[in-house]
Amino acid sequence: MNNVSLTQIEKQINRLTINEQLLLMERLAQQIRRQTKSKPPITVYDLQTMANDPEIQREIREIQAEFSVAESDGLDT
C-alpha cells in the first residue's frame, strides 16, 4: 500500500467519531492478533520426519554441492 492510500485512509478515519475510531482500533487489533497467533513449535518428530524426507535430502545434497567450491578455497584455516 502506498503513502497516498494511507493518507486517504487516515483522512477517512479522522472523520469518524472517537467511539467509531476506538471500535475500529479494537477490530484492527483483533484482526492482527488472529493473523499473528503463534504456530505450534516444531517438534523433534517434525525434524526427524524432515531429515528422513528424500526430497529434503536431495536438496541438502544440491546445496552442499553448490558450496563445495567455497569449502575448498582454504579460508577456513
PDB file of N, CA and C in Angstrom:
ATOM      1  N   MET A   1       0.849  -1.167   0.000  1.00  0.00           N
ATOM      2  CA  MET A   1       0.000   0.000   0.000  1.00  0.00           C
ATOM      3  C   MET A   1       0.902   1.240   0.000  1.00  0.00           C
ATOM      4  N   ASN A   2       0.570   2.185  -0.817  1.00  0.00           N
ATOM      5  CA  ASN A   2       1.419   3.372  -0.907  1.00  0.00           C
ATOM      6  C   ASN A   2       0.972   4.459   0.069  1.00  0.00           C
ATOM      7  N   ASN A   3       1.785   5.486   0.187  1.00  0.00           N
ATOM      8  CA  ASN A   3       1.521   6.576   1.134  1.00  0.00           C
ATOM      9  C   ASN A   3       0.236   7.324   0.816  1.00  0.00           C
ATOM     10  N   VAL A   4      -0.109   7.437  -0.466  1.00  0.00           N
ATOM     11  CA  VAL A   4      -1.327   8.146  -0.845  1.00  0.00           C
ATOM     12  C   VAL A   4      -2.539   7.410  -0.288  1.00  0.00           C
ATOM     13  N   SER A   5      -2.546   6.086  -0.421  1.00  0.00           N
ATOM     14  CA  SER A   5      -3.658   5.291   0.105  1.00  0.00           C
ATOM     15  C   SER A   5      -3.752   5.426   1.615  1.00  0.00           C
ATOM     16  N   LEU A   6      -2.609   5.378   2.293  1.00  0.00           N
ATOM     17  CA  LEU A   6      -2.614   5.514   3.747  1.00  0.00           C
ATOM     18  C   LEU A   6      -3.120   6.887   4.169  1.00  0.00           C
ATOM     19  N   THR A   7      -2.720   7.904   3.445  1.00  0.00           N
ATOM     20  CA  THR A   7      -3.179   9.259   3.751  1.00  0.00           C
ATOM     21  C   THR A   7      -4.690   9.364   3.579  1.00  0.00           C
ATOM     22  N   GLN A   8      -5.206   8.756   2.532  1.00  0.00           N
ATOM     23  CA  GLN A   8      -6.656   8.779   2.302  1.00  0.00           C
ATOM     24  C   GLN A   8      -7.387   8.053   3.426  1.00  0.00           C
ATOM     25  N   ILE A   9      -6.855   6.918   3.852  1.00  0.00           N
ATOM     26  CA  ILE A   9      -7.469   6.166   4.953  1.00  0.00           C
ATOM     27  C   ILE A   9      -7.443   6.991   6.227  1.00  0.00           C
ATOM     28  N   GLU A  10      -6.319   7.629   6.497  1.00  0.00           N
ATOM     29  CA  GLU A  10      -6.212   8.477   7.694  1.00  0.00           C
ATOM     30  C   GLU A  10      -7.242   9.604   7.673  1.00  0.00           C
ATOM     31  N   LYS A  11      -7.444  10.222   6.527  1.00  0.00           N
ATOM     32  CA  LYS A  11      -8.432  11.293   6.412  1.00  0.00           C
ATOM     33  C   LYS A  11      -9.835  10.768   6.706  1.00  0.00           C
ATOM     34  N   GLN A  12     -10.130   9.576   6.193  1.00  0.00           N
ATOM     35  CA  GLN A  12     -11.443   8.986   6.444  1.00  0.00           C
ATOM     36  C   GLN A  12     -11.611   8.634   7.924  1.00  0.00           C
ATOM     37  N   ILE A  13     -10.560   8.151   8.538  1.00  0.00           N
ATOM     38  CA  ILE A  13     -10.618   7.810   9.965  1.00  0.00           C
ATOM     39  C   ILE A  13     -10.852   9.065  10.794  1.00  0.00           C
ATOM     40  N   ASN A  14     -10.210  10.149  10.414  1.00  0.00           N
ATOM     41  CA  ASN A  14     -10.371  11.409  11.155  1.00  0.00           C
ATOM     42  C   ASN A  14     -11.807  11.933  11.103  1.00  0.00           C
ATOM     43  N   ARG A  15     -12.578  11.506  10.112  1.00  0.00           N
ATOM     44  CA  ARG A  15     -13.976  11.920  10.014  1.00  0.00           C
ATOM     45  C   ARG A  15     -14.876  11.135  10.964  1.00  0.00           C
ATOM     46  N   LEU A  16     -14.372  10.026  11.490  1.00  0.00           N
ATOM     47  CA  LEU A  16     -15.164   9.207  12.409  1.00  0.00           C
ATOM     48  C   LEU A  16     -15.204   9.841  13.792  1.00  0.00           C
ATOM     49  N   THR A  17     -16.224   9.489  14.545  1.00  0.00           N
ATOM     50  CA  THR A  17     -16.277   9.938  15.933  1.00  0.00           C
ATOM     51  C   THR A  17     -15.212   9.174  16.721  1.00  0.00           C
ATOM     52  N   ILE A  18     -14.919   9.646  17.915  1.00  0.00           N
ATOM     53  CA  ILE A  18     -13.942   8.969  18.772  1.00  0.00           C
ATOM     54  C   ILE A  18     -14.385   7.531  19.044  1.00  0.00           C
ATOM     55  N   ASN A  19     -15.678   7.347  19.338  1.00  0.00           N
ATOM     56  CA  ASN A  19     -16.180   5.991  19.597  1.00  0.00           C
ATOM     57  C   ASN A  19     -16.014   5.087  18.381  1.00  0.00           C
ATOM     58  N   GLU A  20     -16.256   5.611  17.195  1.00  0.00           N
ATOM     59  CA  GLU A  20     -16.081   4.825  15.975  1.00  0.00           C
ATOM     60  C   GLU A  20     -14.595   4.502  15.754  1.00  0.00           C
ATOM     61  N   GLN A  21     -13.725   5.462  16.054  1.00  0.00           N
ATOM     62  CA  GLN A  21     -12.285   5.226  15.922  1.00  0.00           C
ATOM     63  C   GLN A  21     -11.827   4.140  16.898  1.00  0.00           C
ATOM     64  N   LEU A  22     -12.342   4.191  18.127  1.00  0.00           N
ATOM     65  CA  LEU A  22     -11.993   3.166  19.118  1.00  0.00           C
ATOM     66  C   LEU A  22     -12.472   1.784  18.665  1.00  0.00           C
ATOM     67  N   LEU A  23     -13.679   1.721  18.147  1.00  0.00           N
ATOM     68  CA  LEU A  23     -14.211   0.462  17.648  1.00  0.00           C
ATOM     69  C   LEU A  23     -13.348  -0.070  16.502  1.00  0.00           C
ATOM     70  N   LEU A  24     -12.963   0.816  15.616  1.00  0.00           N
ATOM     71  CA  LEU A  24     -12.099   0.430  14.500  1.00  0.00           C
ATOM     72  C   LEU A  24     -10.761  -0.103  15.008  1.00  0.00           C
ATOM     73  N   MET A  25     -10.179   0.593  15.992  1.00  0.00           N
ATOM     74  CA  MET A  25      -8.901   0.147  16.550  1.00  0.00           C
ATOM     75  C   MET A  25      -9.040  -1.234  17.190  1.00  0.00           C
ATOM     76  N   GLU A  26     -10.129  -1.468  17.897  1.00  0.00           N
ATOM     77  CA  GLU A  26     -10.349  -2.765  18.522  1.00  0.00           C
ATOM     78  C   GLU A  26     -10.470  -3.859  17.466  1.00  0.00           C
ATOM     79  N   ARG A  27     -11.193  -3.568  16.404  1.00  0.00           N
ATOM     80  CA  ARG A  27     -11.335  -4.547  15.311  1.00  0.00           C
ATOM     81  C   ARG A  27      -9.985  -4.831  14.653  1.00  0.00           C
ATOM     82  N   LEU A  28      -9.203  -3.781  14.414  1.00  0.00           N
ATOM     83  CA  LEU A  28      -7.873  -3.966  13.822  1.00  0.00           C
ATOM     84  C   LEU A  28      -6.976  -4.790  14.744  1.00  0.00           C
ATOM     85  N   ALA A  29      -7.027  -4.507  16.040  1.00  0.00           N
ATOM     86  CA  ALA A  29      -6.213  -5.244  16.998  1.00  0.00           C
ATOM     87  C   ALA A  29      -6.602  -6.721  16.998  1.00  0.00           C
ATOM     88  N   GLN A  30      -7.903  -7.004  16.968  1.00  0.00           N
ATOM     89  CA  GLN A  30      -8.362  -8.397  16.939  1.00  0.00           C
ATOM     90  C   GLN A  30      -7.901  -9.096  15.665  1.00  0.00           C
ATOM     91  N   GLN A  31      -7.998  -8.397  14.557  1.00  0.00           N
ATOM     92  CA  GLN A  31      -7.572  -8.975  13.279  1.00  0.00           C
ATOM     93  C   GLN A  31      -6.079  -9.281  13.292  1.00  0.00           C
ATOM     94  N   ILE A  32      -5.292  -8.353  13.812  1.00  0.00           N
ATOM     95  CA  ILE A  32      -3.838  -8.555  13.876  1.00  0.00           C
ATOM     96  C   ILE A  32      -3.506  -9.720  14.791  1.00  0.00           C
ATOM     97  N   ARG A  33      -4.197  -9.817  15.921  1.00  0.00           N
ATOM     98  CA  ARG A  33      -3.962 -10.944  16.836  1.00  0.00           C
ATOM     99  C   ARG A  33      -4.266 -12.275  16.154  1.00  0.00           C
ATOM    100  N   ARG A  34      -5.383 -12.332  15.418  1.00  0.00           N
ATOM    101  CA  ARG A  34      -5.736 -13.576  14.711  1.00  0.00           C
ATOM    102  C   ARG A  34      -4.668 -13.950  13.683  1.00  0.00           C
ATOM    103  N   GLN A  35      -4.155 -12.954  12.985  1.00  0.00           N
ATOM    104  CA  GLN A  35      -3.180 -13.210  11.922  1.00  0.00           C
ATOM    105  C   GLN A  35      -1.810 -13.569  12.467  1.00  0.00           C
ATOM    106  N   THR A  36      -1.513 -13.161  13.687  1.00  0.00           N
ATOM    107  CA  THR A  36      -0.168 -13.379  14.218  1.00  0.00           C
ATOM    108  C   THR A  36      -0.128 -14.410  15.335  1.00  0.00           C
ATOM    109  N   LYS A  37      -1.221 -15.168  15.503  1.00  0.00           N
ATOM    110  CA  LYS A  37      -1.200 -16.219  16.520  1.00  0.00           C
ATOM    111  C   LYS A  37      -0.019 -17.125  16.242  1.00  0.00           C
ATOM    112  N   SER A  38       0.673 -17.463  17.302  1.00  0.00           N
ATOM    113  CA  SER A  38       1.864 -18.280  17.125  1.00  0.00           C
ATOM    114  C   SER A  38       1.479 -19.687  16.695  1.00  0.00           C
ATOM    115  N   LYS A  39       2.274 -20.215  15.829  1.00  0.00           N
ATOM    116  CA  LYS A  39       2.091 -21.582  15.354  1.00  0.00           C
ATOM    117  C   LYS A  39       2.697 -22.523  16.387  1.00  0.00           C
ATOM    118  N   PRO A  40       2.220 -23.752  16.434  1.00  0.00           N
ATOM    119  CA  PRO A  40       2.808 -24.692  17.383  1.00  0.00           C
ATOM    120  C   PRO A  40       4.291 -24.885  17.089  1.00  0.00           C
ATOM    121  N   PRO A  41       5.089 -25.073  18.119  1.00  0.00           N
ATOM    122  CA  PRO A  41       6.531 -25.225  17.893  1.00  0.00           C
ATOM    123  C   PRO A  41       6.842 -26.498  17.110  1.00  0.00           C
ATOM    124  N   ILE A  42       7.955 -26.445  16.422  1.00  0.00           N
ATOM    125  CA  ILE A  42       8.407 -27.623  15.675  1.00  0.00           C
ATOM    126  C   ILE A  42       8.902 -28.647  16.687  1.00  0.00           C
ATOM    127  N   THR A  43       8.449 -29.868  16.527  1.00  0.00           N
ATOM    128  CA  THR A  43       8.822 -30.926  17.466  1.00  0.00           C
ATOM    129  C   THR A  43      10.001 -31.728  16.927  1.00  0.00           C
ATOM    130  N   VAL A  44      10.579 -32.545  17.790  1.00  0.00           N
ATOM    131  CA  VAL A  44      11.666 -33.438  17.371  1.00  0.00           C
ATOM    132  C   VAL A  44      11.155 -34.369  16.277  1.00  0.00           C
ATOM    133  N   TYR A  45       9.909 -34.811  16.425  1.00  0.00           N
ATOM    134  CA  TYR A  45       9.313 -35.686  15.407  1.00  0.00           C
ATOM    135  C   TYR A  45       9.267 -34.977  14.052  1.00  0.00           C
ATOM    136  N   ASP A  46       8.880 -33.698  14.058  1.00  0.00           N
ATOM    137  CA  ASP A  46       8.836 -32.922  12.813  1.00  0.00           C
ATOM    138  C   ASP A  46      10.225 -32.863  12.170  1.00  0.00           C
ATOM    139  N   LEU A  47      11.247 -32.613  12.992  1.00  0.00           N
ATOM    140  CA  LEU A  47      12.614 -32.526  12.475  1.00  0.00           C
ATOM    141  C   LEU A  47      13.087 -33.867  11.928  1.00  0.00           C
ATOM    142  N   GLN A  48      12.756 -34.952  12.637  1.00  0.00           N
ATOM    143  CA  GLN A  48      13.142 -36.279  12.157  1.00  0.00           C
ATOM    144  C   GLN A  48      12.447 -36.603  10.848  1.00  0.00           C
ATOM    145  N   THR A  49      11.189 -36.256  10.758  1.00  0.00           N
ATOM    146  CA  THR A  49      10.435 -36.504   9.523  1.00  0.00           C
ATOM    147  C   THR A  49      11.055 -35.743   8.361  1.00  0.00           C
ATOM    148  N   MET A  50      11.410 -34.487   8.613  1.00  0.00           N
ATOM    149  CA  MET A  50      12.040 -33.694   7.557  1.00  0.00           C
ATOM    150  C   MET A  50      13.400 -34.271   7.180  1.00  0.00           C
ATOM    151  N   ALA A  51      14.180 -34.681   8.178  1.00  0.00           N
ATOM    152  CA  ALA A  51      15.519 -35.225   7.905  1.00  0.00           C
ATOM    153  C   ALA A  51      15.446 -36.512   7.105  1.00  0.00           C
ATOM    154  N   ASN A  52      14.388 -37.267   7.265  1.00  0.00           N
ATOM    155  CA  ASN A  52      14.240 -38.537   6.548  1.00  0.00           C
ATOM    156  C   ASN A  52      13.540 -38.390   5.208  1.00  0.00           C
ATOM    157  N   ASP A  53      13.086 -37.221   4.895  1.00  0.00           N
ATOM    158  CA  ASP A  53      12.372 -36.976   3.640  1.00  0.00           C
ATOM    159  C   ASP A  53      13.369 -36.982   2.480  1.00  0.00           C
ATOM    160  N   PRO A  54      13.182 -37.874   1.500  1.00  0.00           N
ATOM    161  CA  PRO A  54      14.114 -37.963   0.369  1.00  0.00           C
ATOM    162  C   PRO A  54      14.247 -36.653  -0.412  1.00  0.00           C
ATOM    163  N   GLU A  55      13.171 -35.913  -0.531  1.00  0.00           N
ATOM    164  CA  GLU A  55      13.217 -34.649  -1.273  1.00  0.00           C
ATOM    165  C   GLU A  55      14.099 -33.632  -0.542  1.00  0.00           C
ATOM    166  N   ILE A  56      13.974 -33.565   0.764  1.00  0.00           N
ATOM    167  CA  ILE A  56      14.809 -32.646   1.545  1.00  0.00           C
ATOM    168  C   ILE A  56      16.267 -33.101   1.494  1.00  0.00           C
ATOM    169  N   GLN A  57      16.502 -34.395   1.578  1.00  0.00           N
ATOM    170  CA  GLN A  57      17.870 -34.911   1.483  1.00  0.00           C
ATOM    171  C   GLN A  57      18.495 -34.541   0.137  1.00  0.00           C
ATOM    172  N   ARG A  58      17.702 -34.631  -0.933  1.00  0.00           N
ATOM    173  CA  ARG A  58      18.193 -34.266  -2.269  1.00  0.00           C
ATOM    174  C   ARG A  58      18.563 -32.782  -2.296  1.00  0.00           C
ATOM    175  N   GLU A  59      17.708 -31.931  -1.743  1.00  0.00           N
ATOM    176  CA  GLU A  59      18.000 -30.500  -1.732  1.00  0.00           C
ATOM    177  C   GLU A  59      19.255 -30.193  -0.920  1.00  0.00           C
ATOM    178  N   ILE A  60      19.440 -30.875   0.193  1.00  0.00           N
ATOM    179  CA  ILE A  60      20.643 -30.670   1.011  1.00  0.00           C
ATOM    180  C   ILE A  60      21.888 -31.060   0.225  1.00  0.00           C
ATOM    181  N   ARG A  61      21.820 -32.167  -0.502  1.00  0.00           N
ATOM    182  CA  ARG A  61      22.970 -32.572  -1.329  1.00  0.00           C
ATOM    183  C   ARG A  61      23.275 -31.529  -2.399  1.00  0.00           C
ATOM    184  N   GLU A  62      22.227 -30.956  -2.997  1.00  0.00           N
ATOM    185  CA  GLU A  62      22.428 -29.916  -4.009  1.00  0.00           C
ATOM    186  C   GLU A  62      23.083 -28.674  -3.395  1.00  0.00           C
ATOM    187  N   ILE A  63      22.636 -28.291  -2.217  1.00  0.00           N
ATOM    188  CA  ILE A  63      23.232 -27.126  -1.542  1.00  0.00           C
ATOM    189  C   ILE A  63      24.690 -27.409  -1.201  1.00  0.00           C
ATOM    190  N   GLN A  64      24.969 -28.618  -0.702  1.00  0.00           N
ATOM    191  CA  GLN A  64      26.346 -28.975  -0.369  1.00  0.00           C
ATOM    192  C   GLN A  64      27.225 -28.942  -1.609  1.00  0.00           C
ATOM    193  N   ALA A  65      26.698 -29.398  -2.740  1.00  0.00           N
ATOM    194  CA  ALA A  65      27.469 -29.381  -3.990  1.00  0.00           C
ATOM    195  C   ALA A  65      27.761 -27.936  -4.412  1.00  0.00           C
ATOM    196  N   GLU A  66      26.780 -27.061  -4.255  1.00  0.00           N
ATOM    197  CA  GLU A  66      26.978 -25.660  -4.625  1.00  0.00           C
ATOM    198  C   GLU A  66      28.063 -25.003  -3.780  1.00  0.00           C
ATOM    199  N   PHE A  67      28.145 -25.353  -2.514  1.00  0.00           N
ATOM    200  CA  PHE A  67      29.092 -24.715  -1.613  1.00  0.00           C
ATOM    201  C   PHE A  67      30.420 -25.465  -1.509  1.00  0.00           C
ATOM    202  N   SER A  68      30.546 -26.593  -2.195  1.00  0.00           N
ATOM    203  CA  SER A  68      31.790 -27.362  -2.107  1.00  0.00           C
ATOM    204  C   SER A  68      32.982 -26.559  -2.622  1.00  0.00           C
ATOM    205  N   VAL A  69      32.758 -25.720  -3.610  1.00  0.00           N
ATOM    206  CA  VAL A  69      33.833 -24.880  -4.144  1.00  0.00           C
ATOM    207  C   VAL A  69      34.305 -23.906  -3.062  1.00  0.00           C
ATOM    208  N   ALA A  70      33.382 -23.317  -2.349  1.00  0.00           N
ATOM    209  CA  ALA A  70      33.748 -22.367  -1.298  1.00  0.00           C
ATOM    210  C   ALA A  70      34.477 -23.070  -0.162  1.00  0.00           C
ATOM    211  N   GLU A  71      34.110 -24.303   0.119  1.00  0.00           N
ATOM    212  CA  GLU A  71      34.761 -25.030   1.183  1.00  0.00           C
ATOM    213  C   GLU A  71      36.213 -25.348   0.868  1.00  0.00           C
ATOM    214  N   SER A  72      36.535 -25.474  -0.404  1.00  0.00           N
ATOM    215  CA  SER A  72      37.883 -25.826  -0.796  1.00  0.00           C
ATOM    216  C   SER A  72      38.759 -24.609  -1.069  1.00  0.00           C
ATOM    217  N   ASP A  73      38.308 -23.420  -0.730  1.00  0.00           N
ATOM    218  CA  ASP A  73      39.087 -22.219  -1.024  1.00  0.00           C
ATOM    219  C   ASP A  73      40.172 -21.946   0.017  1.00  0.00           C
ATOM    220  N   GLY A  74      40.209 -22.720   1.096  1.00  0.00           N
ATOM    221  CA  GLY A  74      41.267 -22.587   2.077  1.00  0.00           C
ATOM    222  C   GLY A  74      41.074 -21.485   3.092  1.00  0.00           C
ATOM    223  N   LEU A  75      39.945 -20.819   3.079  1.00  0.00           N
ATOM    224  CA  LEU A  75      39.739 -19.712   4.005  1.00  0.00           C
ATOM    225  C   LEU A  75      39.404 -20.165   5.414  1.00  0.00           C
ATOM    226  N   ASP A  76      39.071 -21.433   5.592  1.00  0.00           N
ATOM    227  CA  ASP A  76      38.727 -21.904   6.936  1.00  0.00           C
ATOM    228  C   ASP A  76      39.935 -22.196   7.804  1.00  0.00           C
ATOM    229  N   THR A  77      41.129 -22.116   7.250  1.00  0.00           N
ATOM    230  CA  THR A  77      42.344 -22.398   8.040  1.00  0.00           C
ATOM    231  C   THR A  77      43.049 -21.125   8.423  1.00  0.00           C
TER     232      THR A  77
END
